[in-house]
């Protein structure tokens, strides 16, 4: 079965989601530390369009090892 042009495949959607999550991570990690904290995410609150409580819940759900920061891998895998 062929994909209808203009409708991305699941693989293309996943690749796009990962690309966008890497871009968002880079926006949060302005100091290029290689990780982001809740404070880093909160700086982009208006761009992300989430309330502080929602941002905290997203952060906590992505912080698999509960160490208080997200690596790019943790951040990206949450959006995959």
N, C-alpha and C. Protein backbone atom coordinates (compact mmCIF):
# COMPACT_ATOMS: atom_id res chain seq x y z
N UNK A 1 0.84 -1.18 0.00
CA UNK A 1 0.00 0.00 0.00
C UNK A 1 0.89 1.25 0.00
N UNK A 2 0.59 2.19 -0.85
CA UNK A 2 1.37 3.42 -0.94
C UNK A 2 0.83 4.48 0.02
N UNK A 3 1.75 5.28 0.50
CA UNK A 3 1.34 6.42 1.31
C UNK A 3 0.76 7.49 0.38
N UNK A 4 -0.32 8.09 0.81
CA UNK A 4 -0.88 9.20 0.05
C UNK A 4 0.03 10.39 0.28
N UNK A 5 0.41 11.04 -0.81
CA UNK A 5 1.31 12.17 -0.70
C UNK A 5 0.74 13.21 0.24
N UNK A 6 1.58 13.71 1.13
CA UNK A 6 1.12 14.71 2.08
C UNK A 6 0.78 14.10 3.43
N UNK A 7 0.55 12.80 3.50
CA UNK A 7 0.30 12.12 4.77
C UNK A 7 1.57 11.40 5.19
N UNK A 8 2.25 11.89 6.21
CA UNK A 8 3.50 11.25 6.61
C UNK A 8 3.27 9.86 7.21
N UNK A 9 4.22 9.00 6.99
CA UNK A 9 4.16 7.66 7.57
C UNK A 9 4.44 7.75 9.07
N UNK A 10 4.13 6.70 9.82
CA UNK A 10 4.45 6.71 11.26
C UNK A 10 5.94 6.94 11.51
N UNK A 11 6.79 6.38 10.66
CA UNK A 11 8.24 6.58 10.82
C UNK A 11 8.62 8.04 10.59
N UNK A 12 7.99 8.66 9.60
CA UNK A 12 8.26 10.09 9.33
C UNK A 12 7.75 10.96 10.47
N UNK A 13 6.61 10.59 11.04
CA UNK A 13 6.06 11.34 12.18
C UNK A 13 6.99 11.23 13.38
N UNK A 14 7.50 10.03 13.64
CA UNK A 14 8.42 9.84 14.76
C UNK A 14 9.70 10.64 14.56
N UNK A 15 10.23 10.62 13.34
CA UNK A 15 11.45 11.38 13.05
C UNK A 15 11.20 12.87 13.24
N UNK A 16 10.04 13.35 12.81
CA UNK A 16 9.70 14.76 12.97
C UNK A 16 9.57 15.12 14.45
N UNK A 17 8.92 14.25 15.22
CA UNK A 17 8.75 14.49 16.66
C UNK A 17 10.11 14.56 17.34
N UNK A 18 11.02 13.67 16.98
CA UNK A 18 12.35 13.68 17.58
C UNK A 18 13.12 14.93 17.19
N UNK A 19 12.99 15.34 15.93
CA UNK A 19 13.67 16.56 15.49
C UNK A 19 13.15 17.76 16.27
N UNK A 20 11.84 17.86 16.39
CA UNK A 20 11.24 18.99 17.11
C UNK A 20 11.63 18.98 18.58
N UNK A 21 11.70 17.78 19.17
CA UNK A 21 12.08 17.70 20.58
C UNK A 21 13.54 18.11 20.76
N UNK A 22 14.41 17.78 19.81
CA UNK A 22 15.82 18.22 19.88
C UNK A 22 15.90 19.74 19.78
N UNK A 23 15.08 20.33 18.91
CA UNK A 23 15.07 21.79 18.77
C UNK A 23 14.59 22.45 20.06
N UNK A 24 13.54 21.88 20.66
CA UNK A 24 13.01 22.43 21.91
C UNK A 24 14.03 22.27 23.04
N UNK A 25 14.72 21.13 23.07
CA UNK A 25 15.76 20.92 24.07
C UNK A 25 16.83 21.98 23.93
N UNK A 26 17.26 22.25 22.70
CA UNK A 26 18.30 23.26 22.46
C UNK A 26 17.83 24.65 22.91
N UNK A 27 16.55 24.95 22.71
CA UNK A 27 16.01 26.24 23.17
C UNK A 27 16.04 26.33 24.69
N UNK A 28 15.77 25.22 25.36
CA UNK A 28 15.79 25.20 26.83
C UNK A 28 17.22 25.24 27.37
N UNK A 29 18.13 24.55 26.68
CA UNK A 29 19.52 24.44 27.15
C UNK A 29 20.36 25.55 26.53
N UNK A 30 20.03 26.79 26.88
CA UNK A 30 20.71 27.94 26.29
C UNK A 30 22.19 27.99 26.66
N UNK A 31 22.55 27.40 27.80
CA UNK A 31 23.95 27.41 28.24
C UNK A 31 24.72 26.22 27.68
N UNK A 32 24.05 25.37 26.91
CA UNK A 32 24.65 24.18 26.30
C UNK A 32 25.34 23.30 27.34
N UNK A 33 24.61 23.03 28.43
CA UNK A 33 25.12 22.19 29.51
C UNK A 33 25.00 20.71 29.16
N UNK A 34 24.09 20.39 28.25
CA UNK A 34 23.84 18.99 27.92
C UNK A 34 22.68 18.41 28.70
N UNK A 35 22.07 19.23 29.54
CA UNK A 35 20.89 18.81 30.29
C UNK A 35 20.06 20.05 30.58
N UNK A 36 18.81 19.83 30.95
CA UNK A 36 17.94 20.95 31.31
C UNK A 36 17.29 20.68 32.66
N UNK A 37 16.97 21.76 33.34
CA UNK A 37 16.30 21.69 34.64
C UNK A 37 14.89 22.24 34.47
N UNK A 38 14.10 22.13 35.53
CA UNK A 38 12.75 22.70 35.50
C UNK A 38 12.83 24.19 35.21
N UNK A 39 13.81 24.84 35.81
CA UNK A 39 13.97 26.29 35.61
C UNK A 39 14.22 26.62 34.12
N UNK A 40 15.03 25.79 33.46
CA UNK A 40 15.29 25.98 32.03
C UNK A 40 13.99 25.89 31.23
N UNK A 41 13.17 24.90 31.57
CA UNK A 41 11.90 24.72 30.86
C UNK A 41 10.95 25.88 31.14
N UNK A 42 10.96 26.37 32.37
CA UNK A 42 10.05 27.44 32.75
C UNK A 42 10.32 28.73 31.99
N UNK A 43 11.56 28.93 31.55
CA UNK A 43 11.89 30.12 30.76
C UNK A 43 11.11 30.17 29.46
N UNK A 44 10.72 29.00 28.97
CA UNK A 44 10.01 28.93 27.69
C UNK A 44 8.51 28.75 27.87
N UNK A 45 8.03 29.03 29.05
CA UNK A 45 6.61 28.79 29.37
C UNK A 45 5.69 29.42 28.33
N UNK A 46 5.94 30.66 27.95
CA UNK A 46 5.04 31.33 27.01
C UNK A 46 5.11 30.70 25.62
N UNK A 47 6.30 30.24 25.23
CA UNK A 47 6.44 29.62 23.91
C UNK A 47 5.81 28.23 23.87
N UNK A 48 5.93 27.51 24.98
CA UNK A 48 5.39 26.15 25.04
C UNK A 48 3.88 26.19 25.22
N UNK A 49 3.39 27.21 25.92
CA UNK A 49 1.96 27.36 26.10
C UNK A 49 1.37 26.50 27.20
N UNK A 50 2.16 26.17 28.21
CA UNK A 50 1.68 25.37 29.33
C UNK A 50 1.75 26.18 30.61
N UNK A 51 0.87 25.86 31.53
CA UNK A 51 0.90 26.47 32.86
C UNK A 51 2.09 25.91 33.63
N UNK A 52 2.59 26.63 34.65
CA UNK A 52 3.73 26.13 35.43
C UNK A 52 3.52 24.72 35.99
N UNK A 53 2.30 24.44 36.45
CA UNK A 53 2.02 23.11 37.01
C UNK A 53 2.09 22.05 35.92
N UNK A 54 1.63 22.40 34.72
CA UNK A 54 1.68 21.46 33.60
C UNK A 54 3.13 21.19 33.19
N UNK A 55 3.93 22.26 33.15
CA UNK A 55 5.34 22.11 32.80
C UNK A 55 6.04 21.20 33.81
N UNK A 56 5.74 21.40 35.08
CA UNK A 56 6.35 20.58 36.12
C UNK A 56 5.94 19.12 35.96
N UNK A 57 4.69 18.87 35.63
CA UNK A 57 4.22 17.50 35.43
C UNK A 57 4.91 16.86 34.22
N UNK A 58 5.07 17.62 33.15
CA UNK A 58 5.77 17.11 31.96
C UNK A 58 7.22 16.78 32.32
N UNK A 59 7.88 17.71 33.01
CA UNK A 59 9.26 17.50 33.41
C UNK A 59 9.37 16.24 34.25
N UNK A 60 8.53 16.12 35.27
CA UNK A 60 8.58 14.97 36.17
C UNK A 60 8.33 13.66 35.42
N UNK A 61 7.44 13.68 34.44
CA UNK A 61 7.15 12.46 33.69
C UNK A 61 8.33 12.05 32.80
N UNK A 62 9.13 13.03 32.36
CA UNK A 62 10.28 12.73 31.50
C UNK A 62 11.52 12.38 32.32
N UNK A 63 11.57 12.80 33.57
CA UNK A 63 12.74 12.59 34.43
C UNK A 63 12.71 11.17 35.00
N UNK A 64 13.06 10.21 34.16
CA UNK A 64 12.97 8.79 34.51
C UNK A 64 13.72 8.43 35.79
N UNK A 65 14.93 8.97 35.94
CA UNK A 65 15.74 8.60 37.11
C UNK A 65 15.55 9.55 38.29
N UNK A 66 14.63 10.51 38.13
CA UNK A 66 14.26 11.44 39.20
C UNK A 66 15.46 12.16 39.82
N UNK A 67 16.41 12.58 38.95
CA UNK A 67 17.60 13.26 39.44
C UNK A 67 17.50 14.78 39.36
N UNK A 68 16.37 15.30 38.87
CA UNK A 68 16.16 16.74 38.84
C UNK A 68 16.61 17.43 37.57
N UNK A 69 17.10 16.66 36.61
CA UNK A 69 17.43 17.26 35.32
C UNK A 69 17.20 16.23 34.22
N UNK A 70 17.04 16.75 33.01
CA UNK A 70 16.77 15.90 31.85
C UNK A 70 17.94 15.96 30.88
N UNK A 71 18.42 14.80 30.50
CA UNK A 71 19.40 14.75 29.42
C UNK A 71 18.63 14.86 28.11
N UNK A 72 19.35 15.09 27.04
CA UNK A 72 18.67 15.17 25.75
C UNK A 72 18.00 13.84 25.43
N UNK A 73 18.62 12.73 25.82
CA UNK A 73 18.03 11.43 25.54
C UNK A 73 16.71 11.25 26.30
N UNK A 74 16.68 11.62 27.57
CA UNK A 74 15.44 11.52 28.34
C UNK A 74 14.35 12.40 27.73
N UNK A 75 14.74 13.62 27.38
CA UNK A 75 13.80 14.59 26.83
C UNK A 75 13.24 14.09 25.50
N UNK A 76 14.12 13.65 24.61
CA UNK A 76 13.71 13.21 23.28
C UNK A 76 12.89 11.93 23.33
N UNK A 77 13.27 10.99 24.19
CA UNK A 77 12.54 9.72 24.23
C UNK A 77 11.09 9.92 24.69
N UNK A 78 10.87 10.95 25.48
CA UNK A 78 9.51 11.24 25.94
C UNK A 78 8.59 11.72 24.85
N UNK A 79 9.16 12.21 23.77
CA UNK A 79 8.36 12.73 22.66
C UNK A 79 8.32 11.79 21.48
N UNK A 80 9.01 10.65 21.58
CA UNK A 80 9.13 9.72 20.45
C UNK A 80 7.88 9.00 20.09
